[in-house]
Amino acid sequence: MIQESAIQESAPTRTTTRNALLAIGVAGLVGATLDLLQAMILAGHDIILVITYGLVGEKALKGGPGNYTLGVLLHVIISLIFATFYYAVSRKLRFMTEYPLICGLCFGAGVPSS
């Protein structure tokens, strides 16, 4: 009986999973938005095509709504992957949840710009 209760206590609950997905989703979308906004201010709106260029090649530089959409989508996916990585690491390294602002800023400064 002790083993069953220990397993139930250690198993993630639906609420925990939902909160994790919400945290990752919000962080990824906010991070992608701010990063893309900053990149567009510094380099112009065609910076989105550079993201698309990594997947499509020369066709991306012709522009068009499809290429811009693909660039934004790729950027958001990359941002969500980094947010997932940060969340997973923060579950193991407790100081990341104790000092979220400092750790988040350091992580953001260390992530290469797309």
N, C-alpha and C. Protein backbone atom coordinates (compact mmCIF):
# COMPACT_ATOMS: atom_id res chain seq x y z
N MET A 1 0.79 -1.18 0.00
CA MET A 1 0.00 0.00 0.00
C MET A 1 0.85 1.27 0.00
N ILE A 2 1.96 1.23 0.64
CA ILE A 2 2.83 2.39 0.68
C ILE A 2 3.36 2.68 -0.71
N GLN A 3 3.68 1.64 -1.45
CA GLN A 3 4.20 1.85 -2.79
C GLN A 3 3.16 2.49 -3.70
N GLU A 4 1.91 2.10 -3.59
CA GLU A 4 0.87 2.68 -4.43
C GLU A 4 0.69 4.16 -4.15
N SER A 5 0.70 4.55 -2.88
CA SER A 5 0.53 5.97 -2.57
C SER A 5 1.74 6.78 -3.02
N ALA A 6 2.92 6.19 -2.94
CA ALA A 6 4.12 6.89 -3.40
C ALA A 6 4.07 7.09 -4.90
N ILE A 7 3.56 6.11 -5.62
CA ILE A 7 3.44 6.24 -7.07
C ILE A 7 2.41 7.32 -7.42
N GLN A 8 1.30 7.34 -6.72
CA GLN A 8 0.27 8.33 -6.99
C GLN A 8 0.75 9.73 -6.67
N GLU A 9 1.54 9.91 -5.64
CA GLU A 9 2.05 11.22 -5.28
C GLU A 9 3.08 11.72 -6.28
N SER A 10 3.87 10.82 -6.85
CA SER A 10 4.91 11.23 -7.78
C SER A 10 4.40 11.39 -9.20
N ALA A 11 3.27 10.79 -9.52
CA ALA A 11 2.73 10.89 -10.87
C ALA A 11 2.16 12.30 -11.09
N PRO A 12 2.44 12.89 -12.25
CA PRO A 12 1.91 14.22 -12.51
C PRO A 12 0.39 14.19 -12.65
N THR A 13 -0.24 15.17 -12.09
CA THR A 13 -1.70 15.26 -12.18
C THR A 13 -2.08 16.02 -13.44
N ARG A 14 -3.33 15.98 -13.79
CA ARG A 14 -3.80 16.72 -14.96
C ARG A 14 -3.58 18.21 -14.78
N THR A 15 -3.81 18.70 -13.56
CA THR A 15 -3.63 20.12 -13.29
C THR A 15 -2.18 20.54 -13.49
N THR A 16 -1.26 19.72 -12.99
CA THR A 16 0.16 20.01 -13.16
C THR A 16 0.54 20.03 -14.63
N THR A 17 0.06 19.07 -15.37
CA THR A 17 0.35 19.01 -16.80
C THR A 17 -0.23 20.21 -17.53
N ARG A 18 -1.47 20.57 -17.18
CA ARG A 18 -2.11 21.74 -17.80
C ARG A 18 -1.34 23.01 -17.48
N ASN A 19 -0.93 23.15 -16.23
CA ASN A 19 -0.16 24.34 -15.84
C ASN A 19 1.17 24.40 -16.57
N ALA A 20 1.82 23.26 -16.74
CA ALA A 20 3.08 23.21 -17.46
C ALA A 20 2.89 23.63 -18.91
N LEU A 21 1.87 23.07 -19.55
CA LEU A 21 1.61 23.42 -20.95
C LEU A 21 1.24 24.89 -21.09
N LEU A 22 0.48 25.41 -20.14
CA LEU A 22 0.11 26.82 -20.17
C LEU A 22 1.35 27.70 -20.01
N ALA A 23 2.21 27.34 -19.06
CA ALA A 23 3.44 28.12 -18.85
C ALA A 23 4.34 28.09 -20.07
N ILE A 24 4.50 26.92 -20.66
CA ILE A 24 5.34 26.79 -21.86
C ILE A 24 4.72 27.56 -23.02
N GLY A 25 3.41 27.44 -23.20
CA GLY A 25 2.74 28.13 -24.29
C GLY A 25 2.82 29.63 -24.18
N VAL A 26 2.54 30.15 -23.00
CA VAL A 26 2.58 31.60 -22.80
C VAL A 26 4.01 32.11 -22.96
N ALA A 27 4.96 31.45 -22.32
CA ALA A 27 6.36 31.88 -22.41
C ALA A 27 6.86 31.80 -23.86
N GLY A 28 6.52 30.74 -24.56
CA GLY A 28 6.96 30.60 -25.94
C GLY A 28 6.37 31.66 -26.85
N LEU A 29 5.08 31.93 -26.70
CA LEU A 29 4.43 32.94 -27.55
C LEU A 29 4.89 34.36 -27.22
N VAL A 30 5.02 34.66 -25.94
CA VAL A 30 5.51 36.00 -25.56
C VAL A 30 6.96 36.17 -26.02
N GLY A 31 7.78 35.14 -25.79
CA GLY A 31 9.17 35.21 -26.24
C GLY A 31 9.29 35.37 -27.74
N ALA A 32 8.50 34.63 -28.49
CA ALA A 32 8.54 34.72 -29.96
C ALA A 32 8.09 36.11 -30.42
N THR A 33 7.04 36.62 -29.81
CA THR A 33 6.52 37.94 -30.19
C THR A 33 7.54 39.04 -29.93
N LEU A 34 8.08 39.05 -28.72
CA LEU A 34 9.05 40.09 -28.38
C LEU A 34 10.32 39.98 -29.21
N ASP A 35 10.80 38.76 -29.43
CA ASP A 35 12.01 38.56 -30.22
C ASP A 35 11.81 38.98 -31.66
N LEU A 36 10.67 38.60 -32.23
CA LEU A 36 10.40 38.96 -33.62
C LEU A 36 10.19 40.46 -33.77
N LEU A 37 9.52 41.06 -32.81
CA LEU A 37 9.32 42.51 -32.83
C LEU A 37 10.66 43.23 -32.76
N GLN A 38 11.52 42.79 -31.88
CA GLN A 38 12.84 43.41 -31.75
C GLN A 38 13.66 43.23 -33.03
N ALA A 39 13.60 42.04 -33.62
CA ALA A 39 14.35 41.77 -34.85
C ALA A 39 13.82 42.61 -36.01
N MET A 40 12.49 42.78 -36.08
CA MET A 40 11.91 43.57 -37.17
C MET A 40 12.23 45.05 -37.00
N ILE A 41 12.32 45.53 -35.77
CA ILE A 41 12.69 46.93 -35.54
C ILE A 41 14.13 47.16 -35.96
N LEU A 42 15.01 46.24 -35.64
CA LEU A 42 16.43 46.41 -35.95
C LEU A 42 16.79 46.07 -37.39
N ALA A 43 16.12 45.09 -37.99
CA ALA A 43 16.54 44.61 -39.31
C ALA A 43 15.46 44.74 -40.38
N GLY A 44 14.28 45.20 -40.04
CA GLY A 44 13.21 45.32 -41.03
C GLY A 44 12.33 44.09 -41.07
N HIS A 45 11.17 44.23 -41.70
CA HIS A 45 10.21 43.14 -41.70
C HIS A 45 10.64 41.94 -42.54
N ASP A 46 11.61 42.13 -43.41
CA ASP A 46 12.09 41.01 -44.24
C ASP A 46 12.92 40.00 -43.46
N ILE A 47 13.20 40.29 -42.20
CA ILE A 47 13.95 39.34 -41.37
C ILE A 47 13.18 38.02 -41.26
N ILE A 48 11.87 38.08 -41.38
CA ILE A 48 11.05 36.86 -41.32
C ILE A 48 11.41 35.93 -42.48
N LEU A 49 11.73 36.52 -43.63
CA LEU A 49 12.10 35.71 -44.79
C LEU A 49 13.42 34.98 -44.58
N VAL A 50 14.29 35.55 -43.75
CA VAL A 50 15.56 34.90 -43.44
C VAL A 50 15.31 33.61 -42.66
N ILE A 51 14.31 33.64 -41.78
CA ILE A 51 13.95 32.43 -41.04
C ILE A 51 13.44 31.36 -42.01
N THR A 52 12.58 31.78 -42.93
CA THR A 52 12.04 30.86 -43.94
C THR A 52 13.14 30.33 -44.85
N TYR A 53 14.13 31.17 -45.14
CA TYR A 53 15.23 30.79 -46.02
C TYR A 53 15.94 29.53 -45.52
N GLY A 54 16.03 29.37 -44.20
CA GLY A 54 16.69 28.19 -43.64
C GLY A 54 16.01 26.90 -44.02
N LEU A 55 14.72 26.94 -44.30
CA LEU A 55 13.97 25.74 -44.65
C LEU A 55 13.72 25.63 -46.15
N VAL A 56 13.39 26.74 -46.78
CA VAL A 56 12.95 26.73 -48.18
C VAL A 56 14.08 27.04 -49.15
N GLY A 57 15.02 27.87 -48.73
CA GLY A 57 16.11 28.27 -49.62
C GLY A 57 15.78 29.56 -50.37
N GLU A 58 16.29 29.69 -51.57
CA GLU A 58 16.17 30.92 -52.36
C GLU A 58 14.73 31.36 -52.61
N LYS A 59 13.80 30.42 -52.68
CA LYS A 59 12.39 30.76 -52.92
C LYS A 59 11.84 31.67 -51.84
N ALA A 60 12.38 31.57 -50.64
CA ALA A 60 11.88 32.37 -49.52
C ALA A 60 12.11 33.86 -49.74
N LEU A 61 13.19 34.21 -50.42
CA LEU A 61 13.54 35.62 -50.58
C LEU A 61 12.63 36.35 -51.56
N LYS A 62 11.80 35.63 -52.28
CA LYS A 62 10.83 36.26 -53.19
C LYS A 62 9.67 36.88 -52.42
N GLY A 63 9.51 36.53 -51.17
CA GLY A 63 8.45 37.10 -50.34
C GLY A 63 7.14 36.38 -50.55
N GLY A 64 6.07 37.10 -50.31
CA GLY A 64 4.75 36.52 -50.43
C GLY A 64 4.19 36.13 -49.08
N PRO A 65 2.87 36.12 -48.97
CA PRO A 65 2.25 35.83 -47.67
C PRO A 65 2.58 34.43 -47.14
N GLY A 66 2.73 33.46 -48.01
CA GLY A 66 3.06 32.11 -47.57
C GLY A 66 4.43 32.04 -46.91
N ASN A 67 5.41 32.73 -47.50
CA ASN A 67 6.75 32.72 -46.93
C ASN A 67 6.81 33.47 -45.60
N TYR A 68 6.07 34.58 -45.51
CA TYR A 68 6.02 35.31 -44.24
C TYR A 68 5.34 34.48 -43.16
N THR A 69 4.25 33.83 -43.52
CA THR A 69 3.53 32.99 -42.56
C THR A 69 4.41 31.84 -42.09
N LEU A 70 5.10 31.20 -43.01
CA LEU A 70 6.00 30.10 -42.66
C LEU A 70 7.11 30.58 -41.74
N GLY A 71 7.66 31.75 -42.02
CA GLY A 71 8.72 32.30 -41.17
C GLY A 71 8.26 32.55 -39.75
N VAL A 72 7.07 33.14 -39.62
CA VAL A 72 6.53 33.39 -38.28
C VAL A 72 6.24 32.08 -37.57
N LEU A 73 5.66 31.12 -38.29
CA LEU A 73 5.35 29.82 -37.70
C LEU A 73 6.62 29.09 -37.24
N LEU A 74 7.65 29.11 -38.05
CA LEU A 74 8.91 28.48 -37.67
C LEU A 74 9.51 29.16 -36.44
N HIS A 75 9.42 30.48 -36.40
CA HIS A 75 9.96 31.23 -35.27
C HIS A 75 9.23 30.88 -33.98
N VAL A 76 7.91 30.76 -34.06
CA VAL A 76 7.12 30.41 -32.88
C VAL A 76 7.45 28.98 -32.43
N ILE A 77 7.60 28.07 -33.37
CA ILE A 77 7.95 26.69 -33.01
C ILE A 77 9.30 26.64 -32.31
N ILE A 78 10.28 27.36 -32.83
CA ILE A 78 11.60 27.41 -32.21
C ILE A 78 11.50 27.99 -30.80
N SER A 79 10.72 29.04 -30.65
CA SER A 79 10.54 29.66 -29.34
C SER A 79 9.87 28.70 -28.36
N LEU A 80 8.88 27.95 -28.82
CA LEU A 80 8.22 26.97 -27.96
C LEU A 80 9.17 25.85 -27.54
N ILE A 81 10.06 25.47 -28.43
CA ILE A 81 11.06 24.44 -28.09
C ILE A 81 11.99 24.96 -27.00
N PHE A 82 12.43 26.21 -27.12
CA PHE A 82 13.30 26.78 -26.10
C PHE A 82 12.57 26.95 -24.77
N ALA A 83 11.29 27.32 -24.81
CA ALA A 83 10.49 27.44 -23.59
C ALA A 83 10.32 26.08 -22.91
N THR A 84 10.13 25.04 -23.72
CA THR A 84 10.01 23.68 -23.18
C THR A 84 11.31 23.25 -22.52
N PHE A 85 12.42 23.54 -23.16
CA PHE A 85 13.73 23.22 -22.60
C PHE A 85 13.94 23.94 -21.28
N TYR A 86 13.62 25.23 -21.24
CA TYR A 86 13.78 26.01 -20.01
C TYR A 86 12.91 25.43 -18.89
N TYR A 87 11.68 25.10 -19.21
CA TYR A 87 10.77 24.53 -18.20
C TYR A 87 11.32 23.21 -17.67
N ALA A 88 11.77 22.35 -18.55
CA ALA A 88 12.29 21.04 -18.13
C ALA A 88 13.52 21.19 -17.23
N VAL A 89 14.40 22.07 -17.60
CA VAL A 89 15.61 22.28 -16.79
C VAL A 89 15.24 22.91 -15.44
N SER A 90 14.26 23.81 -15.45
CA SER A 90 13.88 24.48 -14.20
C SER A 90 13.24 23.52 -13.19
N ARG A 91 12.75 22.40 -13.65
CA ARG A 91 12.21 21.39 -12.72
C ARG A 91 13.34 20.68 -11.98
N LYS A 92 14.51 20.63 -12.57
CA LYS A 92 15.67 19.96 -11.95
C LYS A 92 16.52 20.95 -11.15
N LEU A 93 16.67 22.15 -11.65
CA LEU A 93 17.49 23.17 -10.98
C LEU A 93 16.56 24.16 -10.29
N ARG A 94 16.32 23.93 -9.02
CA ARG A 94 15.32 24.69 -8.26
C ARG A 94 15.60 26.19 -8.20
N PHE A 95 16.87 26.60 -8.27
CA PHE A 95 17.15 28.03 -8.19
C PHE A 95 16.51 28.80 -9.35
N MET A 96 16.21 28.09 -10.45
CA MET A 96 15.58 28.75 -11.60
C MET A 96 14.14 29.15 -11.29
N THR A 97 13.48 28.42 -10.40
CA THR A 97 12.13 28.80 -9.99
C THR A 97 12.15 29.75 -8.80
N GLU A 98 13.24 29.76 -8.06
CA GLU A 98 13.36 30.68 -6.93
C GLU A 98 13.71 32.09 -7.39
N TYR A 99 14.45 32.21 -8.49
CA TYR A 99 14.86 33.51 -9.05
C TYR A 99 14.47 33.56 -10.53
N PRO A 100 13.17 33.56 -10.83
CA PRO A 100 12.74 33.43 -12.22
C PRO A 100 13.14 34.60 -13.12
N LEU A 101 13.12 35.82 -12.59
CA LEU A 101 13.45 36.98 -13.42
C LEU A 101 14.92 36.96 -13.83
N ILE A 102 15.79 36.76 -12.87
CA ILE A 102 17.23 36.74 -13.17
C ILE A 102 17.58 35.59 -14.10
N CYS A 103 17.07 34.40 -13.80
CA CYS A 103 17.37 33.22 -14.62
C CYS A 103 16.76 33.36 -16.02
N GLY A 104 15.55 33.89 -16.09
CA GLY A 104 14.91 34.10 -17.39
C GLY A 104 15.67 35.08 -18.26
N LEU A 105 16.13 36.17 -17.66
CA LEU A 105 16.91 37.16 -18.42
C LEU A 105 18.23 36.59 -18.89
N CYS A 106 18.89 35.83 -18.01
CA CYS A 106 20.16 35.19 -18.41
C CYS A 106 19.95 34.18 -19.52
N PHE A 107 18.87 33.41 -19.42
CA PHE A 107 18.55 32.42 -20.47
C PHE A 107 18.25 33.13 -21.79
N GLY A 108 17.47 34.19 -21.73
CA GLY A 108 17.13 34.94 -22.94
C GLY A 108 18.34 35.57 -23.58
N ALA A 109 19.28 36.04 -22.76
CA ALA A 109 20.50 36.64 -23.30
C ALA A 109 21.39 35.58 -23.94
N GLY A 110 21.29 34.35 -23.43
CA GLY A 110 22.14 33.28 -23.95
C GLY A 110 21.59 32.56 -25.17
N VAL A 111 20.30 32.73 -25.44
CA VAL A 111 19.68 32.09 -26.60
C VAL A 111 20.04 32.91 -27.83
N PRO A 112 20.61 32.28 -28.86
CA PRO A 112 20.96 33.02 -30.07
C PRO A 112 19.71 33.53 -30.78
N SER A 113 19.80 34.73 -31.34
CA SER A 113 18.67 35.27 -32.09
C SER A 113 18.49 34.52 -33.39
N SER A 114 17.25 34.30 -33.76
CA SER A 114 16.94 33.60 -35.01
C SER A 114 17.23 34.48 -36.19
